[in-house]
Protein backbone atom coordinates (compact mmCIF):
# COMPACT_ATOMS: atom_id res chain seq x y z
CA MET A 1 47.59 19.85 -29.62
CA PRO A 2 44.02 18.99 -28.54
CA LEU A 3 43.26 17.73 -25.29
CA PHE A 4 41.08 14.72 -24.66
CA LEU A 5 39.18 14.44 -21.61
CA PHE A 6 38.87 11.06 -20.39
CA ILE A 7 35.76 10.52 -17.99
CA VAL A 8 36.07 7.78 -15.24
CA VAL A 9 32.75 6.19 -14.96
CA LYS A 10 32.06 4.86 -11.36
CA VAL A 11 29.45 2.59 -10.05
CA GLN A 12 27.88 5.52 -8.25
CA ASN A 13 27.31 7.20 -11.79
CA ILE A 14 25.47 4.07 -13.08
CA PHE A 15 23.52 3.91 -9.78
CA ASP A 16 22.40 7.54 -10.10
CA ILE A 17 21.06 6.91 -13.55
CA LEU A 18 19.34 3.84 -12.37
CA GLN A 19 17.77 6.01 -9.75
CA GLU A 20 16.32 8.17 -12.58
CA ILE A 21 15.04 4.99 -14.40
CA ALA A 22 13.69 2.87 -11.45
CA PRO A 23 13.93 4.84 -8.17
CA LEU A 24 14.64 2.74 -4.99
CA ASP A 25 11.56 4.33 -3.22
CA LEU A 26 9.38 2.21 -5.79
CA ALA A 27 10.49 -1.02 -4.38
CA GLN A 28 8.20 -2.88 -2.04
CA SER A 29 9.07 -2.88 1.64
CA TRP A 30 10.00 -6.52 1.72
CA ASP A 31 12.45 -6.31 -1.25
CA ASN A 32 16.23 -5.86 -1.23
CA VAL A 33 17.52 -3.68 -4.10
CA GLY A 34 20.30 -1.24 -4.70
CA LEU A 35 24.09 -1.97 -4.64
CA LEU A 36 24.28 -5.48 -3.13
CA VAL A 37 27.98 -6.12 -3.66
CA GLY A 38 30.89 -3.95 -4.27
CA THR A 39 31.67 -0.21 -4.00
CA PRO A 40 30.12 2.94 -5.29
CA GLU A 41 33.70 4.15 -6.10
CA GLY A 42 34.43 1.07 -8.36
CA GLN A 43 35.24 1.94 -12.08
CA VAL A 44 32.94 0.68 -14.77
CA SER A 45 33.52 0.40 -18.54
CA SER A 46 31.17 -2.48 -19.12
CA ILE A 47 27.76 -3.61 -17.65
CA LEU A 48 26.16 -6.97 -17.79
CA LEU A 49 22.29 -7.07 -17.53
CA ALA A 50 20.32 -10.17 -16.56
CA LEU A 51 17.04 -11.48 -15.16
CA ASP A 52 18.66 -13.86 -12.71
CA PRO A 53 21.94 -13.85 -10.79
CA THR A 54 23.53 -17.17 -11.72
CA THR A 55 27.15 -18.54 -11.91
CA ALA A 56 26.96 -18.87 -15.52
CA LEU A 57 26.41 -15.16 -15.67
CA LEU A 58 29.70 -14.57 -14.07
CA ALA A 59 31.54 -16.32 -16.82
CA GLU A 60 29.79 -14.27 -19.32
CA ALA A 61 30.76 -11.10 -17.43
CA GLU A 62 34.31 -12.22 -17.54
CA GLN A 63 34.20 -12.61 -21.37
CA CYS A 64 32.78 -9.26 -21.94
CA ASN A 65 35.02 -7.63 -19.16
CA ALA A 66 32.07 -6.30 -17.23
CA GLU A 67 32.80 -4.85 -13.84
CA LEU A 68 29.17 -4.43 -12.88
CA ILE A 69 26.34 -6.82 -13.17
CA ILE A 70 22.69 -5.54 -12.84
CA THR A 71 20.01 -8.32 -12.23
CA HIS A 72 16.38 -7.95 -11.70
CA HIS A 73 16.15 -10.67 -9.17
CA PRO A 74 18.28 -9.73 -6.24
CA ALA A 75 21.51 -11.70 -5.66
CA LEU A 76 21.14 -11.00 -2.00
CA PHE A 77 17.49 -11.23 -0.82
CA ARG A 78 17.20 -12.89 2.59
CA PRO A 79 20.02 -12.42 5.38
CA LEU A 80 22.96 -14.78 5.19
CA LYS A 81 24.58 -16.47 8.19
CA SER A 82 27.48 -17.57 6.00
CA LEU A 83 28.95 -17.03 2.70
CA ARG A 84 30.25 -20.48 1.30
CA SER A 85 31.02 -21.49 -2.36
CA ASP A 86 29.68 -25.00 -1.79
CA ARG A 87 25.94 -23.93 -1.33
CA PRO A 88 23.57 -22.88 -4.24
CA THR A 89 22.17 -19.83 -2.78
CA GLU A 90 25.71 -18.38 -1.85
CA LYS A 91 27.73 -19.49 -4.94
CA PHE A 92 27.09 -16.46 -6.86
CA LEU A 93 27.82 -13.97 -4.14
CA PHE A 94 30.99 -15.76 -3.24
CA ALA A 95 32.25 -15.80 -6.85
CA ALA A 96 31.32 -12.28 -7.46
CA VAL A 97 33.15 -11.06 -4.32
CA GLN A 98 36.33 -13.19 -5.35
CA ALA A 99 36.23 -11.58 -8.90
CA GLY A 100 35.91 -7.97 -7.57
CA LEU A 101 32.58 -7.53 -9.37
CA HIS A 102 29.91 -4.90 -8.48
CA VAL A 103 26.26 -6.27 -8.49
CA ILE A 104 23.14 -4.11 -8.29
CA GLY A 105 19.46 -5.56 -7.97
CA CYS A 106 16.65 -3.75 -9.57
CA HIS A 107 13.60 -5.65 -8.61
CA THR A 108 10.21 -4.42 -7.60
CA ASN A 109 11.51 -0.84 -8.41
CA LEU A 110 11.80 -1.86 -12.02
CA ASP A 111 8.38 -3.57 -11.92
CA ALA A 112 6.66 -0.39 -10.90
CA ALA A 113 8.72 2.16 -12.90
CA CYS A 114 7.65 3.79 -16.04
CA GLY A 115 9.29 1.80 -18.95
CA GLY A 116 9.78 -1.04 -16.51
CA VAL A 117 8.74 -4.71 -16.51
CA ASN A 118 5.20 -4.02 -16.65
CA ASP A 119 5.29 -1.30 -19.36
CA VAL A 120 7.30 -3.49 -21.65
CA LEU A 121 4.91 -6.38 -21.15
CA ALA A 122 1.90 -4.00 -22.04
CA GLN A 123 3.75 -2.70 -24.91
CA LEU A 124 4.57 -6.19 -26.28
CA LEU A 125 0.79 -6.89 -26.23
CA ALA A 126 -0.02 -3.48 -28.02
CA LEU A 127 -2.15 -2.23 -25.00
CA GLN A 128 -3.36 1.25 -25.40
CA ASP A 129 -3.80 3.91 -22.61
CA ALA A 130 -2.29 1.31 -20.17
CA VAL A 131 -2.28 2.60 -16.53
CA PRO A 132 -0.87 0.83 -13.31
CA LEU A 133 -3.17 -1.77 -11.96
CA LEU A 134 -1.91 -0.98 -8.31
CA PRO A 135 -1.05 2.79 -8.73
CA ASP A 136 1.93 4.23 -6.72
CA THR A 137 1.79 7.68 -5.26
CA THR A 138 5.10 8.63 -6.91
CA GLU A 139 4.75 10.42 -10.20
CA GLY A 140 6.99 9.60 -13.20
CA CYS A 141 7.00 10.01 -16.96
CA GLY A 142 3.73 12.01 -16.89
CA GLN A 143 1.76 9.16 -15.21
CA LYS A 144 1.66 7.34 -12.09
CA THR A 145 3.98 4.52 -11.42
CA GLY A 146 2.91 1.32 -9.71
CA LEU A 147 2.64 -2.45 -10.15
CA GLY A 148 1.01 -4.12 -13.20
CA ARG A 149 -0.86 -2.45 -16.12
CA ILE A 150 -4.25 -2.41 -17.50
CA GLY A 151 -5.18 -1.34 -20.90
CA MET A 152 -7.17 -1.79 -24.11
CA LEU A 153 -6.36 -3.72 -27.30
CA SER A 154 -7.07 -1.55 -30.46
CA ALA A 155 -9.73 -4.01 -31.49
CA PRO A 156 -11.30 -6.96 -29.57
CA LEU A 157 -9.84 -10.38 -30.25
CA THR A 158 -11.12 -13.93 -29.86
CA PRO A 159 -9.39 -15.86 -26.94
CA GLU A 160 -7.63 -17.99 -29.49
CA CYS A 161 -6.30 -14.94 -31.38
CA PHE A 162 -5.16 -13.36 -28.17
CA LEU A 163 -3.21 -16.38 -27.15
CA GLU A 164 -1.39 -16.42 -30.47
CA GLN A 165 -0.66 -12.61 -29.87
CA LEU A 166 0.73 -13.45 -26.37
CA ASP A 167 2.68 -16.24 -27.70
CA ARG A 168 4.39 -14.16 -30.29
CA ALA A 169 5.07 -11.37 -27.81
CA ILE A 170 6.74 -13.33 -25.31
CA SER A 171 7.29 -16.96 -26.47
CA PRO A 172 6.40 -18.58 -23.05
CA PRO A 173 7.46 -22.18 -22.61
CA TRP A 174 3.86 -22.83 -21.58
CA LEU A 175 0.60 -21.16 -21.04
CA LEU A 176 -1.66 -22.27 -18.21
CA GLU A 177 -5.23 -20.99 -17.87
CA ALA A 178 -7.88 -20.79 -15.25
CA GLY A 179 -11.58 -19.82 -15.39
CA PRO A 180 -13.72 -19.64 -18.40
CA ARG A 181 -12.54 -17.88 -21.56
CA PRO A 182 -14.68 -14.88 -22.53
CA ASP A 183 -16.21 -14.39 -26.01
CA LYS A 184 -14.07 -11.41 -26.74
CA ILE A 185 -10.88 -9.79 -25.24
CA HIS A 186 -10.61 -6.05 -25.20
CA LYS A 187 -9.42 -4.93 -21.79
CA VAL A 188 -6.26 -6.61 -20.71
CA ALA A 189 -4.41 -6.47 -17.36
CA VAL A 190 -0.80 -7.81 -17.00
CA CYS A 191 1.51 -8.08 -13.97
CA GLY A 192 4.98 -9.80 -14.67
CA GLY A 193 6.16 -12.22 -12.19
CA SER A 194 4.20 -13.80 -9.22
CA CYS A 195 1.16 -11.51 -8.99
CA SER A 196 -1.80 -13.91 -8.84
CA ASP A 197 -2.84 -12.37 -5.57
CA VAL A 198 -3.88 -9.15 -7.32
CA SER A 199 -6.30 -11.01 -9.66
CA ALA A 200 -9.36 -9.70 -7.86
CA THR A 201 -7.99 -6.11 -8.60
CA ALA A 202 -7.72 -7.04 -12.34
CA LEU A 203 -11.38 -8.20 -12.24
CA ARG A 204 -12.54 -5.09 -10.46
CA GLY A 205 -10.76 -2.92 -13.02
CA GLY A 206 -12.94 -4.59 -15.90
CA ALA A 207 -10.15 -6.71 -17.44
CA ASP A 208 -11.39 -9.52 -19.67
CA VAL A 209 -8.21 -11.52 -18.90
CA PHE A 210 -5.24 -11.27 -16.49
CA ILE A 211 -1.68 -12.40 -17.63
CA THR A 212 0.70 -13.03 -14.69
CA SER A 213 2.58 -16.26 -13.28
CA GLU A 214 2.78 -18.65 -10.52
CA VAL A 215 -1.03 -18.58 -10.23
CA LYS A 216 -1.82 -20.31 -6.95
CA HIS A 217 -4.22 -23.29 -6.72
CA ASP A 218 -6.78 -21.37 -4.51
CA ILE A 219 -6.55 -18.49 -6.90
CA ALA A 220 -7.33 -20.79 -9.93
CA ARG A 221 -10.49 -21.99 -8.14
CA TRP A 222 -11.41 -18.40 -7.34
CA ALA A 223 -11.19 -17.59 -10.92
CA GLU A 224 -13.56 -20.51 -11.91
CA GLU A 225 -16.09 -19.19 -9.25
CA ALA A 226 -15.66 -15.48 -10.39
CA GLY A 227 -16.03 -16.51 -13.95
CA PHE A 228 -12.63 -14.57 -14.68
CA TRP A 229 -10.06 -15.79 -17.21
CA LEU A 230 -6.47 -16.06 -15.76
CA ILE A 231 -3.41 -16.91 -17.75
CA ASP A 232 -0.26 -18.17 -16.17
CA ALA A 233 2.56 -17.39 -18.65
CA GLY A 234 5.49 -18.19 -16.64
CA HIS A 235 7.70 -15.98 -14.31
CA PHE A 236 10.55 -15.91 -16.69
CA ALA A 237 8.56 -15.15 -19.83
CA THR A 238 6.81 -12.33 -18.33
CA GLU A 239 9.88 -10.52 -16.98
CA TYR A 240 12.69 -11.50 -19.45
CA PRO A 241 11.78 -8.99 -22.23
CA ALA A 242 12.22 -6.08 -19.78
CA MET A 243 15.89 -6.76 -19.68
CA LYS A 244 16.29 -5.59 -23.28
CA GLY A 245 14.14 -2.56 -22.41
CA LEU A 246 16.19 -1.71 -19.52
CA ARG A 247 19.24 -1.94 -21.62
CA ASP A 248 17.76 0.49 -24.22
CA VAL A 249 16.92 3.06 -21.67
CA LEU A 250 20.35 2.75 -19.86
CA VAL A 251 22.11 3.24 -23.12
CA LYS A 252 20.22 6.42 -24.08
CA ARG A 253 20.71 7.87 -20.43
CA LEU A 254 24.57 7.09 -20.66
CA ASP A 255 24.84 8.63 -24.13
CA ALA A 256 23.07 11.73 -22.96
CA SER A 257 25.54 12.04 -19.97
CA GLY A 258 28.47 11.62 -22.10
CA LEU A 259 29.53 8.44 -20.52
CA GLU A 260 31.16 5.69 -22.58
CA VAL A 261 30.11 2.27 -21.19
CA SER A 262 29.31 -0.91 -22.81
CA VAL A 263 25.92 -2.42 -21.99
CA ARG A 264 25.05 -5.99 -22.76
CA CYS A 265 22.06 -8.16 -22.15
CA ALA A 266 22.80 -11.70 -21.12
CA TYR A 267 21.10 -14.53 -22.88
CA GLN A 268 19.20 -16.70 -20.29
CA GLU A 269 16.75 -19.62 -20.56
CA PRO A 270 13.99 -20.20 -18.16
CA PRO A 271 14.85 -22.53 -15.43
CA LEU A 272 11.55 -24.48 -15.69
CA ARG A 273 10.78 -26.31 -18.83
CA LEU A 274 8.09 -28.90 -19.89
CA ALA A 275 9.17 -32.39 -19.09
CA ALA A 276 9.13 -34.84 -22.18
CA GLY A 277 9.95 -38.51 -21.85
CA LYS A 278 10.03 -41.32 -24.06
CA ALA A 279 7.73 -44.28 -23.78
CA CYS A 280 9.20 -47.14 -21.73
């Protein structure tokens, strides 16, 4: 009679694989990443990936029998003085603990990793020879890791055509711009999430345009004076595609390790939307 070996997958097994994909030492010093809720010894048969830790996510985790939730934005970022279910910032954590769920955060380590947030964004825009905008000293995937990416389009585009390409790539709910549009776009810099503070680095790198989000007022004015085109494509839109990218990589690593775990990406919508009202 053949013997079938059942491998019990634990949170630690998933964490070890995530360490290969997005090592914790790539995270910024101010960040809070890793196992934030639960225990390394917890058993895992199903994983739910999401950009944001929301209470709606917990209902989806229950539907797909997920024991482990992995989010990009950490569920626990700042120190808490309490853990109450009646406060918005604590609701998710309270409910996750009650449900016995395990929660891992992969934030700036996933931003900087090879194949992470910024590589996905660069790939969606078909950038060639993309390299980190802010290189890290840690080597990975045959190239340096780090925040942002800067690379070349296969052929120059007009600003209008580039905007169409950007819209198709990430379906942003809006596109805001600052600074003058150049005649042609050839070299492009990207940094998913709130990275307008590194706009000057993108300019020094020779970029014709820099795509990021949450562009600050003073940075927008700086772009005017510097003659540099900035595009604010929204925090959600510039990071959300990376969740599918993480799922694809995680599934491959699990398969290679012989670990049978279901991995699903949660569908989420941007928390900000354009306000539209009817005439009074």
